[in-house]
Amino acid sequence: MAKTIESLRRFPTKEEILFQDHIVDTYFYKKTRKKNKNLKYSLKKVLFLAVPAAVATAALALILTFFHEHYASFLKTKVAKSRVILLFKNGSVNNEAVRRLEFRGNARGSSMITHDAIVFNNPKKYGWADMAVNFRFPIDMNGREILFSVKGRTGGERIDLILRDGASRSARINGLCMASGWRTETINLDGIKNDVDLSSITQLRLESAYTGESADKIDSPIDLTVYVKDLQLTKRGKDS
């Protein structure tokens, strides 16, 4: 009888089972609830940090856009009112008016900007090469002339000067012949005012050799080298 009672004691009673189940349920419920609480806290923390950061980023973008637009408008007005618009001088490109100066075609890799001049080179006879001055914004060239100093390495080199407007129409001034010493060229634009919109010029470029646009094939010597400095746009007359 004592052994039977002892054996029965090895098995938990119904009350003991229920009590153990209650402890387990309570323990795991609290653990799960704690995790959920930590997760909610983490999400709140992330939102607390992310929302101000997003607002600050958006505000900064608006400020930068506002500044960029007004600065561009300021530069455009400043350039338009200038009697002389410098494009290149003393080895520096005027970034207030020029977005980019680039060498293209055969001029790429062999042309350069030195401390005082642009060295425009075309090493291939009849090969296309140009130096393009892309303006930051369209420039009104009505009443203006293009003025620059130029020379050839040997003399006799010939280049074309081209203007392009906002509608991508181009006008060409053919056959500028170089001397071996520095010479100042003043280009009057009245002759091309019917070919392009002079109030909206977006690019000025120098070209050498035949491109298909020129009326005459230019017999450029092999390894044409032209030096350009003090490139500017000037208003005609004192009161212009």
Protein backbone atom coordinates (compact mmCIF):
# COMPACT_ATOMS: atom_id res chain seq x y z
CA MET A 1 0.00 0.00 0.00
CA ALA A 2 2.81 2.38 0.85
CA LYS A 3 4.52 1.51 -2.40
CA THR A 4 1.35 2.22 -4.37
CA ILE A 5 0.97 5.61 -2.74
CA GLU A 6 4.63 6.41 -3.45
CA SER A 7 4.18 5.45 -7.09
CA LEU A 8 1.17 7.72 -7.41
CA ARG A 9 3.17 10.60 -6.05
CA ARG A 10 5.51 10.37 -8.98
CA PHE A 11 2.78 11.67 -11.26
CA PRO A 12 1.60 15.26 -10.81
CA THR A 13 -1.91 15.95 -9.84
CA LYS A 14 -4.36 17.81 -12.04
CA GLU A 15 -3.97 20.88 -9.89
CA GLU A 16 -0.19 20.70 -10.23
CA ILE A 17 -0.46 20.42 -14.01
CA LEU A 18 -2.76 23.42 -14.22
CA PHE A 19 -0.45 25.40 -11.97
CA GLN A 20 2.57 24.56 -14.10
CA ASP A 21 0.69 25.49 -17.27
CA HIS A 22 -0.26 28.80 -15.71
CA ILE A 23 3.38 29.54 -14.85
CA VAL A 24 4.54 28.67 -18.38
CA ASP A 25 1.80 30.75 -20.04
CA THR A 26 2.47 33.70 -17.80
CA TYR A 27 6.24 33.57 -18.31
CA PHE A 28 6.15 33.30 -22.11
CA TYR A 29 3.38 35.87 -22.42
CA LYS A 30 5.43 38.38 -20.48
CA LYS A 31 8.49 37.58 -22.59
CA THR A 32 6.57 38.04 -25.83
CA ARG A 33 4.95 41.21 -24.59
CA LYS A 34 8.38 42.59 -23.66
CA LYS A 35 9.71 41.87 -27.14
CA ASN A 36 6.71 43.54 -28.76
CA LYS A 37 7.19 46.52 -26.50
CA ASN A 38 10.87 46.79 -27.49
CA LEU A 39 9.94 46.48 -31.17
CA LYS A 40 7.39 49.28 -30.90
CA TYR A 41 9.95 51.40 -29.10
CA SER A 42 12.53 50.76 -31.85
CA LEU A 43 10.04 51.69 -34.56
CA LYS A 44 9.13 54.88 -32.74
CA LYS A 45 12.80 55.71 -32.37
CA VAL A 46 13.44 55.13 -36.07
CA LEU A 47 10.47 57.30 -37.02
CA PHE A 48 11.53 59.95 -34.54
CA LEU A 49 14.94 60.17 -36.23
CA ALA A 50 13.87 59.54 -39.84
CA VAL A 51 11.08 62.12 -40.11
CA PRO A 52 13.21 65.15 -39.10
CA ALA A 53 16.02 63.91 -41.36
CA ALA A 54 13.63 63.65 -44.33
CA VAL A 55 12.21 67.11 -43.61
CA ALA A 56 15.73 68.58 -43.33
CA THR A 57 16.77 66.93 -46.62
CA ALA A 58 13.71 68.26 -48.44
CA ALA A 59 14.26 71.74 -47.00
CA LEU A 60 17.92 71.70 -48.05
CA ALA A 61 16.95 70.63 -51.57
CA LEU A 62 14.47 73.52 -51.80
CA ILE A 63 17.06 76.00 -50.52
CA LEU A 64 19.67 74.78 -53.00
CA THR A 65 17.17 74.91 -55.87
CA PHE A 66 16.12 78.43 -54.85
CA PHE A 67 19.75 79.54 -54.58
CA HIS A 68 20.72 77.96 -57.91
CA GLU A 69 17.81 79.54 -59.79
CA HIS A 70 18.42 83.00 -58.34
CA TYR A 71 22.17 82.78 -58.79
CA ALA A 72 21.72 81.75 -62.43
CA SER A 73 19.32 84.67 -62.92
CA PHE A 74 21.82 87.02 -61.26
CA LEU A 75 24.64 85.84 -63.54
CA LYS A 76 22.48 86.12 -66.63
CA THR A 77 21.58 89.71 -65.77
CA LYS A 78 25.16 90.58 -64.90
CA VAL A 79 26.51 89.17 -68.17
CA ALA A 80 23.79 90.84 -70.26
CA LYS A 81 24.60 94.26 -68.77
CA SER A 82 28.37 93.91 -69.24
CA ARG A 83 29.85 95.99 -72.01
CA VAL A 84 32.61 93.40 -72.34
CA ILE A 85 31.88 89.71 -71.73
CA LEU A 86 35.19 87.94 -71.20
CA LEU A 87 35.11 84.31 -72.28
CA PHE A 88 38.80 83.51 -71.93
CA LYS A 89 41.70 85.58 -70.61
CA ASN A 90 45.08 84.91 -68.96
CA GLY A 91 44.68 81.16 -69.20
CA SER A 92 41.29 81.09 -67.45
CA VAL A 93 37.78 80.42 -68.71
CA ASN A 94 35.11 82.76 -67.34
CA ASN A 95 32.73 80.34 -65.59
CA GLU A 96 30.13 83.05 -65.08
CA ALA A 97 29.40 83.01 -68.81
CA VAL A 98 30.90 79.71 -70.02
CA ARG A 99 29.53 76.35 -68.95
CA ARG A 100 32.19 74.32 -70.74
CA LEU A 101 35.05 74.78 -73.20
CA GLU A 102 35.83 71.57 -75.04
CA PHE A 103 37.97 70.24 -77.88
CA ARG A 104 36.29 67.82 -80.26
CA GLY A 105 37.17 65.63 -83.20
CA ASN A 106 40.87 65.56 -84.03
CA ALA A 107 41.45 68.44 -81.62
CA ARG A 108 40.74 66.15 -78.68
CA GLY A 109 43.95 65.05 -76.98
CA SER A 110 46.23 67.38 -78.94
CA SER A 111 44.75 70.76 -77.97
CA MET A 112 45.10 72.41 -74.58
CA ILE A 113 44.74 75.52 -72.44
CA THR A 114 48.04 77.03 -71.32
CA HIS A 115 48.76 79.82 -68.82
CA ASP A 116 47.99 82.52 -71.39
CA ALA A 117 46.41 81.01 -74.52
CA ILE A 118 44.23 78.30 -76.01
CA VAL A 119 46.23 75.97 -78.25
CA PHE A 120 43.88 74.62 -80.91
CA ASN A 121 45.43 71.78 -82.89
CA ASN A 122 44.25 69.64 -85.80
CA PRO A 123 46.92 67.11 -86.78
CA LYS A 124 45.07 65.60 -89.78
CA LYS A 125 44.63 67.21 -93.16
CA TYR A 126 40.91 67.56 -93.98
CA GLY A 127 40.15 65.91 -90.62
CA TRP A 128 37.42 67.60 -88.61
CA ALA A 129 38.37 69.42 -85.41
CA ASP A 130 36.80 72.17 -83.39
CA MET A 131 37.00 74.14 -80.17
CA ALA A 132 33.52 74.73 -78.74
CA VAL A 133 32.68 77.38 -76.17
CA ASN A 134 29.32 76.40 -74.64
CA PHE A 135 27.60 79.25 -72.82
CA ARG A 136 26.03 78.83 -69.39
CA PHE A 137 22.83 80.41 -70.76
CA PRO A 138 21.82 81.94 -74.13
CA ILE A 139 23.58 85.26 -74.74
CA ASP A 140 22.12 88.19 -76.66
CA MET A 141 24.74 89.16 -79.25
CA ASN A 142 22.73 91.87 -80.94
CA GLY A 143 24.95 94.94 -81.09
CA ARG A 144 28.00 92.94 -80.07
CA GLU A 145 31.19 91.90 -81.83
CA ILE A 146 33.52 88.99 -81.22
CA LEU A 147 37.03 90.11 -80.42
CA PHE A 148 40.11 87.92 -79.86
CA SER A 149 43.84 87.77 -80.48
CA VAL A 150 45.04 84.93 -82.69
CA LYS A 151 48.06 83.59 -84.55
CA GLY A 152 49.13 80.46 -86.36
CA ARG A 153 52.18 78.39 -85.65
CA THR A 154 53.57 78.99 -89.14
CA GLY A 155 51.08 81.42 -90.70
CA GLY A 156 48.57 80.68 -93.44
CA GLU A 157 46.38 78.43 -91.28
CA ARG A 158 42.66 78.89 -91.91
CA ILE A 159 39.78 78.39 -89.51
CA ASP A 160 36.03 78.99 -89.52
CA LEU A 161 34.06 80.70 -86.76
CA ILE A 162 30.54 79.38 -86.10
CA LEU A 163 27.69 80.56 -83.88
CA ARG A 164 24.78 78.33 -82.84
CA ASP A 165 21.48 79.60 -81.44
CA GLY A 166 18.91 78.13 -79.06
CA ALA A 167 17.05 76.49 -81.98
CA SER A 168 20.27 74.66 -83.00
CA ARG A 169 20.67 76.75 -86.15
CA SER A 170 24.26 77.57 -87.08
CA ALA A 171 25.87 80.43 -88.98
CA ARG A 172 29.41 80.20 -90.30
CA ILE A 173 32.01 82.90 -90.93
CA ASN A 174 34.38 81.28 -93.40
CA GLY A 175 38.11 81.37 -93.83
CA LEU A 176 39.88 83.39 -91.15
CA CYS A 177 43.50 83.31 -92.27
CA MET A 178 46.20 83.30 -89.61
CA ALA A 179 49.45 85.24 -89.49
CA SER A 180 52.57 83.96 -87.76
CA GLY A 181 52.41 86.79 -85.21
CA TRP A 182 49.63 87.91 -82.89
CA ARG A 183 46.81 89.82 -84.53
CA THR A 184 43.52 91.09 -83.11
CA GLU A 185 40.40 89.98 -84.98
CA THR A 186 37.10 91.85 -84.62
CA ILE A 187 34.15 89.93 -86.06
CA ASN A 188 31.03 91.90 -86.94
CA LEU A 189 27.89 89.76 -86.81
CA ASP A 190 25.52 91.83 -88.95
CA GLY A 191 26.10 89.57 -91.93
CA ILE A 192 24.68 86.49 -90.20
CA LYS A 193 21.72 88.01 -88.32
CA ASN A 194 19.27 86.42 -90.78
CA ASP A 195 20.79 82.97 -90.36
CA VAL A 196 20.63 82.66 -86.56
CA ASP A 197 18.81 84.28 -83.67
CA LEU A 198 21.49 86.61 -82.34
CA SER A 199 19.43 87.24 -79.19
CA SER A 200 19.83 83.60 -78.14
CA ILE A 201 23.34 82.32 -78.92
CA THR A 202 24.29 79.18 -77.02
CA GLN A 203 27.65 78.25 -78.54
CA LEU A 204 30.67 79.79 -80.26
CA ARG A 205 33.21 77.54 -81.90
CA LEU A 206 36.31 77.49 -84.08
CA GLU A 207 36.61 74.76 -86.71
CA SER A 208 39.28 73.62 -89.10
CA ALA A 209 39.08 71.47 -92.24
CA TYR A 210 36.09 70.43 -94.28
CA THR A 211 32.93 69.58 -92.28
CA GLY A 212 30.25 69.48 -94.97
CA GLU A 213 28.78 72.78 -93.82
CA SER A 214 31.38 75.06 -95.36
CA ALA A 215 30.96 76.36 -98.90
CA ASP A 216 34.62 75.73 -99.67
CA LYS A 217 36.91 72.93 -98.66
CA ILE A 218 39.65 74.47 -96.54
CA ASP A 219 43.08 73.22 -97.50
CA SER A 220 44.48 73.17 -93.98
CA PRO A 221 48.09 72.14 -93.59
CA ILE A 222 48.83 68.94 -91.73
CA ASP A 223 49.23 69.62 -88.00
CA LEU A 224 47.38 72.92 -87.99
CA THR A 225 48.02 74.82 -84.76
CA VAL A 226 46.30 78.06 -83.87
CA TYR A 227 46.75 80.10 -80.68
CA VAL A 228 43.86 82.12 -79.26
CA LYS A 229 43.77 84.54 -76.31
CA ASP A 230 41.64 87.36 -74.90
CA LEU A 231 38.40 85.95 -76.34
CA GLN A 232 35.52 88.32 -75.58
CA LEU A 233 32.17 89.70 -76.70
CA THR A 234 32.06 93.50 -76.81
CA LYS A 235 29.25 95.98 -77.31
CA ARG A 236 29.64 98.45 -80.17
CA GLY A 237 29.68 102.13 -79.36
CA LYS A 238 30.00 103.97 -76.05
CA ASP A 239 26.27 104.05 -75.33
CA SER A 240 25.44 100.55 -76.56
